[in-house]
């Protein structure tokens, strides 16, 4: 099972894509007790954003991410990983 992306990796990728100013916050899988396919990261993000899951949306590139979104009762759009 792959390790979750750390905050440094997330920050680097957002910087390289020129997207750091597009997000109020980001959350790493290392910040939750259970990783995907468990819904913990998405539920934690909803809590941090003061949003309810059923008014949220997940963009995901993995089957485990889809499973996590479904487990959190959040609508999910699959975005294929082109790598």
N, C-alpha and C. Protein backbone atom coordinates (compact mmCIF):
# COMPACT_ATOMS: atom_id res chain seq x y z
N UNK A 1 0.84 -1.17 0.00
CA UNK A 1 0.00 0.00 0.00
C UNK A 1 0.89 1.24 0.00
N UNK A 2 0.63 2.22 -0.88
CA UNK A 2 1.47 3.41 -0.94
C UNK A 2 1.30 4.28 0.30
N UNK A 3 2.35 5.00 0.65
CA UNK A 3 2.28 5.93 1.77
C UNK A 3 1.52 7.18 1.33
N UNK A 4 0.82 7.82 2.28
CA UNK A 4 0.12 9.04 1.91
C UNK A 4 1.10 10.16 1.59
N UNK A 5 0.67 11.05 0.71
CA UNK A 5 1.51 12.21 0.38
C UNK A 5 1.65 13.08 1.62
N UNK A 6 2.88 13.44 1.93
CA UNK A 6 3.13 14.33 3.06
C UNK A 6 2.86 15.77 2.69
N UNK A 7 2.79 16.62 3.70
CA UNK A 7 2.52 18.05 3.47
C UNK A 7 3.56 18.68 2.56
N UNK A 8 4.84 18.28 2.69
CA UNK A 8 5.88 18.84 1.83
C UNK A 8 5.63 18.49 0.36
N UNK A 9 5.24 17.25 0.10
CA UNK A 9 4.95 16.83 -1.27
C UNK A 9 3.76 17.60 -1.84
N UNK A 10 2.73 17.76 -1.03
CA UNK A 10 1.56 18.50 -1.47
C UNK A 10 1.94 19.94 -1.79
N UNK A 11 2.69 20.58 -0.89
CA UNK A 11 3.12 21.96 -1.09
C UNK A 11 3.96 22.10 -2.36
N UNK A 12 4.89 21.17 -2.56
CA UNK A 12 5.74 21.20 -3.75
C UNK A 12 4.91 21.07 -5.02
N UNK A 13 3.99 20.11 -5.05
CA UNK A 13 3.16 19.90 -6.25
C UNK A 13 2.26 21.09 -6.53
N UNK A 14 1.68 21.68 -5.50
CA UNK A 14 0.84 22.86 -5.70
C UNK A 14 1.68 24.03 -6.21
N UNK A 15 2.87 24.18 -5.68
CA UNK A 15 3.77 25.25 -6.14
C UNK A 15 4.15 25.07 -7.60
N UNK A 16 4.55 23.85 -7.96
CA UNK A 16 4.94 23.58 -9.35
C UNK A 16 3.80 23.84 -10.32
N UNK A 17 2.58 23.60 -9.87
CA UNK A 17 1.41 23.82 -10.72
C UNK A 17 0.89 25.25 -10.65
N UNK A 18 1.49 26.07 -9.80
CA UNK A 18 1.04 27.45 -9.65
C UNK A 18 -0.33 27.56 -8.99
N UNK A 19 -0.63 26.64 -8.07
CA UNK A 19 -1.96 26.59 -7.47
C UNK A 19 -1.99 26.88 -5.98
N UNK A 20 -0.89 27.28 -5.39
CA UNK A 20 -0.88 27.45 -3.93
C UNK A 20 -1.89 28.48 -3.44
N UNK A 21 -2.17 29.50 -4.24
CA UNK A 21 -3.11 30.54 -3.82
C UNK A 21 -4.57 30.18 -4.09
N UNK A 22 -4.82 28.99 -4.62
CA UNK A 22 -6.18 28.58 -4.97
C UNK A 22 -6.88 27.81 -3.85
N UNK A 23 -6.16 27.49 -2.78
CA UNK A 23 -6.71 26.66 -1.71
C UNK A 23 -6.61 27.39 -0.37
N UNK A 24 -7.67 27.29 0.41
CA UNK A 24 -7.65 27.85 1.76
C UNK A 24 -6.79 26.99 2.69
N UNK A 25 -6.75 25.70 2.43
CA UNK A 25 -5.94 24.78 3.21
C UNK A 25 -5.79 23.50 2.41
N UNK A 26 -4.89 22.66 2.84
CA UNK A 26 -4.79 21.31 2.30
C UNK A 26 -4.51 20.38 3.47
N UNK A 27 -4.78 19.12 3.23
CA UNK A 27 -4.69 18.14 4.30
C UNK A 27 -3.95 16.91 3.80
N UNK A 28 -3.02 16.44 4.57
CA UNK A 28 -2.23 15.28 4.20
C UNK A 28 -2.82 14.01 4.83
N UNK A 29 -2.64 12.91 4.14
CA UNK A 29 -3.06 11.63 4.70
C UNK A 29 -2.34 11.28 5.99
N UNK A 30 -1.21 11.91 6.23
CA UNK A 30 -0.48 11.66 7.48
C UNK A 30 -1.14 12.36 8.67
N UNK A 31 -2.15 13.18 8.40
CA UNK A 31 -2.84 13.90 9.48
C UNK A 31 -4.05 13.14 10.02
N UNK A 32 -4.34 11.99 9.44
CA UNK A 32 -5.49 11.21 9.90
C UNK A 32 -5.02 9.84 10.36
N UNK A 33 -5.84 9.23 11.18
CA UNK A 33 -5.47 7.93 11.75
C UNK A 33 -5.48 6.82 10.68
N UNK A 34 -6.52 6.83 9.83
CA UNK A 34 -6.66 5.79 8.81
C UNK A 34 -6.65 6.43 7.44
N UNK A 35 -5.86 5.87 6.54
CA UNK A 35 -5.80 6.38 5.18
C UNK A 35 -6.90 5.79 4.31
N UNK A 36 -6.92 6.23 3.08
CA UNK A 36 -7.89 5.71 2.11
C UNK A 36 -7.67 4.20 1.97
N UNK A 37 -8.69 3.42 1.89
CA UNK A 37 -10.06 3.71 1.48
C UNK A 37 -10.99 4.17 2.61
N UNK A 38 -10.47 4.40 3.80
CA UNK A 38 -11.31 4.93 4.87
C UNK A 38 -11.59 6.40 4.59
N UNK A 39 -12.73 6.90 5.03
CA UNK A 39 -13.13 8.27 4.69
C UNK A 39 -12.53 9.36 5.57
N UNK A 40 -11.63 9.01 6.47
CA UNK A 40 -11.14 9.95 7.48
C UNK A 40 -10.61 11.26 6.90
N UNK A 41 -9.83 11.22 5.84
CA UNK A 41 -9.24 12.45 5.31
C UNK A 41 -10.31 13.38 4.75
N UNK A 42 -11.31 12.83 4.08
CA UNK A 42 -12.36 13.68 3.52
C UNK A 42 -13.26 14.24 4.61
N UNK A 43 -13.57 13.43 5.61
CA UNK A 43 -14.37 13.92 6.73
C UNK A 43 -13.60 14.99 7.51
N UNK A 44 -12.29 14.79 7.67
CA UNK A 44 -11.46 15.79 8.34
C UNK A 44 -11.40 17.09 7.57
N UNK A 45 -11.31 17.00 6.25
CA UNK A 45 -11.29 18.20 5.42
C UNK A 45 -12.62 18.95 5.51
N UNK A 46 -13.72 18.21 5.51
CA UNK A 46 -15.03 18.86 5.66
C UNK A 46 -15.12 19.57 7.00
N UNK A 47 -14.64 18.92 8.04
CA UNK A 47 -14.68 19.52 9.37
C UNK A 47 -13.82 20.79 9.39
N UNK A 48 -12.64 20.73 8.84
CA UNK A 48 -11.74 21.88 8.82
C UNK A 48 -12.34 23.04 8.03
N UNK A 49 -13.09 22.71 6.96
CA UNK A 49 -13.69 23.73 6.11
C UNK A 49 -15.06 24.18 6.61
N UNK A 50 -15.53 23.58 7.69
CA UNK A 50 -16.87 23.89 8.19
C UNK A 50 -17.95 23.61 7.15
N UNK A 51 -17.79 22.50 6.45
CA UNK A 51 -18.75 22.07 5.43
C UNK A 51 -19.28 20.69 5.77
N UNK A 52 -20.47 20.41 5.31
CA UNK A 52 -21.03 19.07 5.49
C UNK A 52 -20.69 18.22 4.27
N UNK A 53 -20.48 16.93 4.46
CA UNK A 53 -20.10 16.08 3.33
C UNK A 53 -21.06 16.13 2.15
N UNK A 54 -22.37 16.18 2.42
CA UNK A 54 -23.30 16.12 1.29
C UNK A 54 -23.38 17.42 0.48
N UNK A 55 -22.63 18.45 0.88
CA UNK A 55 -22.53 19.66 0.06
C UNK A 55 -21.11 19.83 -0.48
N UNK A 56 -20.33 18.76 -0.41
CA UNK A 56 -18.92 18.79 -0.83
C UNK A 56 -18.72 17.97 -2.09
N UNK A 57 -17.52 18.07 -2.65
CA UNK A 57 -17.16 17.33 -3.86
C UNK A 57 -15.70 16.92 -3.77
N UNK A 58 -15.43 15.69 -4.11
CA UNK A 58 -14.07 15.16 -4.15
C UNK A 58 -13.66 14.96 -5.60
N UNK A 59 -12.46 15.40 -5.95
CA UNK A 59 -11.83 15.06 -7.22
C UNK A 59 -10.77 14.04 -6.89
N UNK A 60 -10.84 12.88 -7.49
CA UNK A 60 -10.00 11.77 -7.06
C UNK A 60 -9.46 11.03 -8.26
N UNK A 61 -8.24 10.47 -8.10
CA UNK A 61 -7.62 9.73 -9.20
C UNK A 61 -7.41 8.25 -8.88
N UNK A 62 -7.94 7.79 -7.75
CA UNK A 62 -7.69 6.39 -7.39
C UNK A 62 -8.97 5.69 -6.94
N UNK A 63 -8.96 4.38 -7.06
CA UNK A 63 -10.09 3.58 -6.61
C UNK A 63 -10.27 3.71 -5.10
N UNK A 64 -9.17 3.68 -4.35
CA UNK A 64 -9.28 3.83 -2.90
C UNK A 64 -9.81 5.21 -2.53
N UNK A 65 -9.46 6.23 -3.28
CA UNK A 65 -10.01 7.56 -3.04
C UNK A 65 -11.50 7.61 -3.30
N UNK A 66 -11.94 6.95 -4.37
CA UNK A 66 -13.37 6.85 -4.66
C UNK A 66 -14.08 6.13 -3.51
N UNK A 67 -13.51 5.05 -3.05
CA UNK A 67 -14.11 4.32 -1.92
C UNK A 67 -14.20 5.20 -0.68
N UNK A 68 -13.16 5.98 -0.43
CA UNK A 68 -13.16 6.88 0.72
C UNK A 68 -14.25 7.95 0.58
N UNK A 69 -14.40 8.51 -0.61
CA UNK A 69 -15.43 9.52 -0.84
C UNK A 69 -16.82 8.92 -0.63
N UNK A 70 -17.04 7.74 -1.16
CA UNK A 70 -18.33 7.06 -0.98
C UNK A 70 -18.58 6.81 0.51
N UNK A 71 -17.54 6.38 1.22
CA UNK A 71 -17.67 6.13 2.66
C UNK A 71 -17.98 7.40 3.44
N UNK A 72 -17.57 8.55 2.92
CA UNK A 72 -17.83 9.83 3.58
C UNK A 72 -19.14 10.45 3.09
N UNK A 73 -19.83 9.78 2.17
CA UNK A 73 -21.06 10.30 1.57
C UNK A 73 -20.84 11.61 0.84
N UNK A 74 -19.71 11.69 0.11
CA UNK A 74 -19.37 12.87 -0.66
C UNK A 74 -19.38 12.50 -2.14
N UNK A 75 -20.01 13.32 -2.96
CA UNK A 75 -19.97 13.11 -4.40
C UNK A 75 -18.53 13.14 -4.87
N UNK A 76 -18.22 12.34 -5.88
CA UNK A 76 -16.84 12.20 -6.33
C UNK A 76 -16.77 12.20 -7.85
N UNK A 77 -15.82 12.94 -8.37
CA UNK A 77 -15.49 12.91 -9.80
C UNK A 77 -14.12 12.27 -9.94
N UNK A 78 -14.03 11.24 -10.77
CA UNK A 78 -12.76 10.58 -11.01
C UNK A 78 -12.00 11.35 -12.09
N UNK A 79 -10.78 11.73 -11.77
CA UNK A 79 -9.89 12.43 -12.70
C UNK A 79 -8.73 11.48 -12.97
N UNK A 80 -8.64 10.93 -14.18
CA UNK A 80 -7.58 9.96 -14.45
C UNK A 80 -6.18 10.55 -14.22
N UNK A 81 -5.32 9.74 -13.64
CA UNK A 81 -3.92 10.12 -13.46
C UNK A 81 -3.22 9.87 -14.79
N UNK A 82 -2.77 10.93 -15.43
CA UNK A 82 -2.16 10.80 -16.76
C UNK A 82 -0.72 10.32 -16.70
N UNK A 83 -0.15 10.21 -15.51
CA UNK A 83 1.19 9.64 -15.37
C UNK A 83 1.07 8.15 -15.44
